[in-house]
Amino acid sequence: MTVRFRGLAKPSIFRRIASAMWRPPNNPNIYGSLDFDMTRSLAYLEELNALGNGKVTVTHLVIRAVARALAKHPELNGKVWGSKVVLRDQVDMFCQVASDGGRDLSGAKLENADRMSLFEIAGQVRGQAQSIRAGKDPTYKGSRNLFKFLPGMLIRPLLWLSSFLSNSLHLHLPGMGLPRDPFGSAMVTSVGMFGIESGFAPFPPIARCPMVLVVTAVKDRPWVEDGELVVRPVLRLCGTFDHRIIDGFHAAQISDTVSEYMRDPRRIDAAESPDAKGSAGLPEVPSDTTEGMTPSQS
């Protein structure tokens, strides 16, 4: 079949500038959001926090829900390696953490997060966050020392080299600030403390994870229930996905699993716990780790 063109369009000034400014699309990112009625989830968090074992938050719920979804659909727990997609053998979650009074960002990596309780997730995030802020985390300290005195022109090639070593060669070099697969299976960050109701995060080019999720503020919104318009506390979870790994069918699988957990985490956790009260019998989090929370932990 011969493709015929009618001729060249007469571009406006804006079109001429735009054509010169942007390159052809080559970005595989896709975006999507889910709204959750948080009535039961907030009641569940309140019940757990009343136990006095440490504070669990909406962000911790999201981390656990996404980890469960990736464990249930292991074909999505992968990363692009050359022209192939390789699958991870465990679900590791990365939660962004603010440091240096909010002027810097790092993160807590939770290995085997799908096997953790909410209290265990909360404890690890807060423990690593405290270590980072105190300058005692070896990986954070190593990476900052590596980049602190470099001239700007060397930072980009060094980032490429570090990604190659930790992601492509799978080397484990924590002393240099280069742990193996540093961002894990998925990234979660929270902007809820800022009151932001919707927003999408970019992929760090060195991340090699299939999704980045933003936990926004829980706000009262109109909600339809049994054909009636009501007001409910609603969380909008916003996701950026790597289309090389996740397509619409896979996104639906993830959303179904995450939605099931977020709608009623009490029922899911109770089914998994030998304790009839669900998470009440899970490991404790020291109460002194609940102070100084950042937006990444709300």
Protein backbone atom coordinates (compact mmCIF):
# COMPACT_ATOMS: atom_id res chain seq x y z
CA MET A 1 0.00 0.00 0.00
CA THR A 2 1.30 3.44 -0.92
CA VAL A 3 1.11 6.11 1.75
CA ARG A 4 0.21 9.48 0.27
CA PHE A 5 0.51 12.89 1.86
CA ARG A 6 -1.51 15.94 0.99
CA GLY A 7 1.47 18.23 1.39
CA LEU A 8 3.23 20.24 4.05
CA ALA A 9 1.21 22.07 6.68
CA LYS A 10 1.80 25.77 7.17
CA PRO A 11 3.03 25.85 10.77
CA SER A 12 2.38 28.59 13.26
CA ILE A 13 5.28 30.20 15.09
CA PHE A 14 4.50 28.03 18.10
CA ARG A 15 4.56 24.85 15.99
CA ARG A 16 7.93 25.78 14.53
CA ILE A 17 9.36 26.42 17.99
CA ALA A 18 7.77 23.26 19.40
CA SER A 19 9.14 21.13 16.53
CA ALA A 20 12.62 22.39 17.26
CA MET A 21 12.29 22.17 21.04
CA TRP A 22 11.08 18.58 21.51
CA ARG A 23 12.35 15.33 20.12
CA PRO A 24 10.06 12.48 18.94
CA PRO A 25 8.45 10.59 21.87
CA ASN A 26 10.67 7.85 23.26
CA ASN A 27 9.46 7.67 26.86
CA PRO A 28 7.74 4.42 27.94
CA ASN A 29 6.02 5.94 30.98
CA ILE A 30 2.29 5.50 31.46
CA TYR A 31 0.22 7.06 34.23
CA GLY A 32 -2.83 6.10 36.25
CA SER A 33 -4.58 6.80 39.52
CA LEU A 34 -6.93 4.97 41.88
CA ASP A 35 -9.34 6.43 44.42
CA PHE A 36 -10.02 4.51 47.64
CA ASP A 37 -12.74 5.01 50.23
CA MET A 38 -10.53 5.06 53.33
CA THR A 39 -13.29 4.80 55.94
CA ARG A 40 -12.39 1.25 57.01
CA SER A 41 -8.66 1.72 56.52
CA LEU A 42 -8.51 4.82 58.72
CA ALA A 43 -10.54 3.07 61.41
CA TYR A 44 -8.13 0.13 61.21
CA LEU A 45 -5.08 2.41 61.56
CA GLU A 46 -6.68 4.13 64.54
CA GLU A 47 -7.32 0.73 66.14
CA LEU A 48 -3.71 -0.39 65.63
CA ASN A 49 -2.21 2.89 66.83
CA ALA A 50 -4.29 2.67 69.99
CA LEU A 51 -2.32 -0.46 70.93
CA GLY A 52 0.71 1.68 71.74
CA ASN A 53 3.12 -0.45 69.72
CA GLY A 54 4.17 2.38 67.41
CA LYS A 55 2.50 4.41 64.71
CA VAL A 56 1.40 2.95 61.39
CA THR A 57 0.25 5.25 58.59
CA VAL A 58 -1.50 5.31 55.24
CA THR A 59 1.89 5.13 53.50
CA HIS A 60 2.69 1.90 55.32
CA LEU A 61 -0.66 0.50 54.19
CA VAL A 62 0.18 1.37 50.59
CA ILE A 63 3.63 -0.21 50.83
CA ARG A 64 2.14 -3.45 52.13
CA ALA A 65 -0.66 -3.48 49.55
CA VAL A 66 1.74 -2.96 46.62
CA ALA A 67 4.17 -5.55 47.98
CA ARG A 68 1.31 -8.05 48.20
CA ALA A 69 0.28 -7.22 44.63
CA LEU A 70 3.79 -7.84 43.27
CA ALA A 71 4.04 -11.11 45.21
CA LYS A 72 0.72 -12.21 43.73
CA HIS A 73 1.81 -11.21 40.20
CA PRO A 74 5.55 -12.03 40.12
CA GLU A 75 5.75 -11.55 36.35
CA LEU A 76 5.54 -7.79 37.03
CA ASN A 77 8.38 -7.78 39.56
CA GLY A 78 11.03 -7.28 36.91
CA LYS A 79 13.41 -4.81 35.33
CA VAL A 80 14.69 -4.19 31.85
CA TRP A 81 18.18 -5.61 31.35
CA GLY A 82 19.47 -4.83 27.89
CA SER A 83 16.80 -6.08 25.51
CA LYS A 84 15.35 -8.50 28.06
CA VAL A 85 13.15 -8.31 31.14
CA VAL A 86 14.59 -10.15 34.14
CA LEU A 87 12.46 -11.07 37.16
CA ARG A 88 13.43 -10.49 40.77
CA ASP A 89 13.24 -13.37 43.23
CA GLN A 90 11.94 -11.23 46.09
CA VAL A 91 9.75 -8.17 46.62
CA ASP A 92 11.73 -5.19 47.91
CA MET A 93 10.04 -1.82 48.40
CA PHE A 94 11.75 1.58 48.42
CA CYS A 95 10.24 4.39 50.51
CA GLN A 96 11.65 7.87 49.98
CA VAL A 97 12.88 9.66 53.09
CA ALA A 98 13.69 13.35 53.53
CA SER A 99 16.87 14.36 55.35
CA ASP A 100 18.94 17.45 56.13
CA GLY A 101 15.85 19.41 57.14
CA GLY A 102 14.05 18.53 53.92
CA ARG A 103 16.91 19.70 51.67
CA ASP A 104 17.96 16.21 50.68
CA LEU A 105 16.28 12.94 49.72
CA SER A 106 17.25 9.35 50.26
CA GLY A 107 15.22 6.25 50.95
CA ALA A 108 14.60 3.16 53.02
CA LYS A 109 14.74 -0.16 51.18
CA LEU A 110 12.55 -2.89 52.70
CA GLU A 111 13.62 -6.36 51.64
CA ASN A 112 10.93 -9.04 51.38
CA ALA A 113 8.30 -6.42 52.17
CA ASP A 114 5.49 -8.76 51.13
CA ARG A 115 6.31 -10.91 54.17
CA MET A 116 6.22 -8.04 56.65
CA SER A 117 3.45 -6.92 58.95
CA LEU A 118 2.42 -3.27 59.06
CA PHE A 119 4.33 -2.80 62.29
CA GLU A 120 7.47 -4.33 60.78
CA ILE A 121 7.21 -2.05 57.74
CA ALA A 122 6.71 1.00 59.97
CA GLY A 123 9.63 0.01 62.19
CA GLN A 124 12.06 -0.48 59.32
CA VAL A 125 11.11 2.74 57.55
CA ARG A 126 11.49 4.80 60.71
CA GLY A 127 14.63 3.02 61.82
CA GLN A 128 16.37 3.60 58.49
CA ALA A 129 15.11 7.19 58.34
CA GLN A 130 16.60 7.93 61.75
CA SER A 131 19.90 6.34 60.74
CA ILE A 132 20.02 8.42 57.54
CA ARG A 133 19.27 11.69 59.35
CA ALA A 134 21.92 10.92 61.96
CA GLY A 135 24.47 10.21 59.22
CA LYS A 136 24.90 6.62 60.43
CA ASP A 137 23.42 4.74 57.48
CA PRO A 138 26.42 3.21 55.67
CA THR A 139 24.85 3.20 52.20
CA TYR A 140 23.57 6.78 52.44
CA LYS A 141 26.87 7.95 53.90
CA GLY A 142 28.86 6.17 51.20
CA SER A 143 26.85 7.62 48.33
CA ARG A 144 26.97 11.15 49.75
CA ASN A 145 30.72 10.97 50.28
CA LEU A 146 31.11 9.72 46.72
CA PHE A 147 29.24 12.67 45.18
CA LYS A 148 30.01 15.43 47.67
CA PHE A 149 33.30 16.64 46.22
CA LEU A 150 32.84 15.68 42.58
CA PRO A 151 32.71 18.47 39.97
CA GLY A 152 29.31 18.70 38.32
CA MET A 153 30.59 17.51 34.93
CA LEU A 154 31.55 14.13 36.45
CA ILE A 155 28.29 13.42 38.27
CA ARG A 156 26.34 12.22 35.22
CA PRO A 157 28.96 9.69 34.02
CA LEU A 158 29.41 8.48 37.60
CA LEU A 159 25.65 7.96 37.94
CA TRP A 160 25.69 5.94 34.72
CA LEU A 161 28.63 3.86 36.01
CA SER A 162 26.98 3.25 39.38
CA SER A 163 23.76 2.15 37.66
CA PHE A 164 25.74 -0.20 35.43
CA LEU A 165 27.55 -1.76 38.40
CA SER A 166 24.55 -2.15 40.71
CA ASN A 167 21.79 -2.80 38.15
CA SER A 168 23.42 -4.42 35.13
CA LEU A 169 26.25 -6.34 36.78
CA HIS A 170 24.29 -6.82 40.04
CA LEU A 171 27.33 -5.97 42.14
CA HIS A 172 26.82 -5.28 45.84
CA LEU A 173 29.06 -2.40 46.93
CA PRO A 174 27.35 -0.75 49.93
CA GLY A 175 30.62 0.77 51.15
CA MET A 176 30.67 2.87 47.99
CA GLY A 177 26.98 3.68 48.34
CA LEU A 178 26.12 1.17 45.60
CA PRO A 179 23.96 -1.66 46.97
CA ARG A 180 22.68 -4.26 44.55
CA ASP A 181 19.38 -3.27 42.91
CA PRO A 182 19.14 -0.20 45.17
CA PHE A 183 15.55 0.85 44.43
CA GLY A 184 13.97 -2.60 44.59
CA SER A 185 10.66 -3.64 43.04
CA ALA A 186 8.72 -0.38 43.45
CA MET A 187 9.13 3.11 44.87
CA VAL A 188 6.64 4.82 47.18
CA THR A 189 6.72 8.46 48.18
CA SER A 190 4.22 10.52 50.12
CA VAL A 191 3.18 14.14 49.60
CA GLY A 192 0.11 13.90 51.82
CA MET A 193 1.60 16.09 54.54
CA PHE A 194 1.75 18.95 52.05
CA GLY A 195 -1.99 18.64 51.40
CA ILE A 196 -1.37 17.66 47.76
CA GLU A 197 -4.39 15.78 46.41
CA SER A 198 -2.96 14.53 43.11
CA GLY A 199 0.44 14.26 41.45
CA PHE A 200 2.78 11.94 39.58
CA ALA A 201 6.46 11.27 40.19
CA PRO A 202 9.12 10.74 37.52
CA PHE A 203 11.26 7.62 37.24
CA PRO A 204 14.85 8.15 38.34
CA PRO A 205 16.72 6.82 35.26
CA ILE A 206 18.87 4.61 37.50
CA ALA A 207 15.92 3.10 39.40
CA ARG A 208 15.10 0.08 37.15
CA CYS A 209 11.79 -0.56 38.95
CA PRO A 210 8.45 -0.93 37.11
CA MET A 211 6.46 1.62 39.13
CA VAL A 212 6.66 4.76 41.24
CA LEU A 213 3.64 5.49 43.47
CA VAL A 214 2.68 8.80 45.09
CA VAL A 215 0.57 8.74 48.28
CA THR A 216 -1.46 11.95 48.33
CA ALA A 217 -3.57 13.55 51.06
CA VAL A 218 -6.73 11.81 52.25
CA LYS A 219 -9.52 14.31 51.57
CA ASP A 220 -13.31 14.29 51.92
CA ARG A 221 -14.76 13.76 48.43
CA PRO A 222 -18.15 12.91 46.95
CA TRP A 223 -18.56 9.12 46.68
CA VAL A 224 -21.34 6.97 45.23
CA GLU A 225 -22.39 4.11 47.49
CA ASP A 226 -25.39 1.90 46.72
CA GLY A 227 -26.60 4.49 44.26
CA GLU A 228 -26.45 7.28 46.85
CA LEU A 229 -24.11 10.27 46.81
CA VAL A 230 -22.23 10.46 50.11
CA VAL A 231 -19.07 12.08 51.46
CA ARG A 232 -16.16 9.76 52.23
CA PRO A 233 -12.46 10.20 53.13
CA VAL A 234 -10.74 9.34 49.85
CA LEU A 235 -7.11 8.58 49.02
CA ARG A 236 -5.95 9.13 45.45
CA LEU A 237 -2.99 6.87 44.72
CA CYS A 238 -1.08 8.07 41.64
CA GLY A 239 1.25 5.79 39.72
CA THR A 240 3.91 6.08 37.03
CA PHE A 241 4.53 2.75 35.27
CA ASP A 242 7.17 1.43 32.90
CA HIS A 243 5.20 0.34 29.83
CA ARG A 244 8.02 -2.02 28.85
CA ILE A 245 6.95 -4.20 31.78
CA ILE A 246 3.40 -3.14 32.69
CA ASP A 247 0.55 -2.70 30.23
CA GLY A 248 -3.15 -2.04 30.81
CA PHE A 249 -3.93 -5.68 31.59
CA HIS A 250 -1.15 -5.86 34.20
CA ALA A 251 -2.13 -2.50 35.68
CA ALA A 252 -5.63 -3.86 36.19
CA GLN A 253 -4.24 -6.90 38.00
CA ILE A 254 -2.20 -4.71 40.34
CA SER A 255 -5.09 -2.32 40.98
CA ASP A 256 -7.44 -5.19 41.85
CA THR A 257 -5.06 -6.59 44.46
CA VAL A 258 -4.19 -3.19 45.92
CA SER A 259 -7.87 -2.20 46.01
CA GLU A 260 -8.84 -5.41 47.82
CA TYR A 261 -6.34 -4.64 50.58
CA MET A 262 -7.00 -0.91 50.86
CA ARG A 263 -10.79 -1.38 51.03
CA ASP A 264 -10.55 -3.47 54.20
CA PRO A 265 -7.04 -4.25 55.49
CA ARG A 266 -8.49 -5.57 58.74
CA ARG A 267 -10.07 -8.52 56.95
CA ILE A 268 -6.91 -9.33 54.97
CA ASP A 269 -4.55 -9.06 57.95
CA ALA A 270 -6.88 -11.04 60.22
CA ALA A 271 -6.95 -13.86 57.69
CA GLU A 272 -3.13 -13.99 57.69
CA SER A 273 -2.56 -13.63 61.43
CA PRO A 274 -2.91 -16.42 64.04
CA ASP A 275 -4.17 -13.73 66.40
CA ALA A 276 -7.93 -13.18 66.08
CA LYS A 277 -7.33 -9.43 66.37
CA GLY A 278 -5.19 -9.42 63.24
CA SER A 279 -2.12 -7.24 63.64
CA ALA A 280 -2.45 -6.90 67.41
CA GLY A 281 -0.03 -9.77 67.95
CA LEU A 282 2.58 -8.60 65.45
CA PRO A 283 6.09 -7.39 66.43
CA GLU A 284 6.23 -4.08 68.21
CA VAL A 285 7.80 -0.85 67.02
CA PRO A 286 9.64 1.19 69.65
CA SER A 287 7.49 4.18 70.51
CA ASP A 288 10.44 6.59 70.30
CA THR A 289 10.66 6.07 66.53
CA THR A 290 7.39 7.83 65.85
CA GLU A 291 8.72 11.37 66.16
CA GLY A 292 9.97 13.63 63.39
CA MET A 293 8.01 12.10 60.53
CA THR A 294 8.65 13.53 57.08
CA PRO A 295 6.28 13.83 54.14
CA SER A 296 7.72 10.56 52.85
CA GLN A 297 6.33 8.72 55.88
CA SER A 298 2.86 10.21 56.26
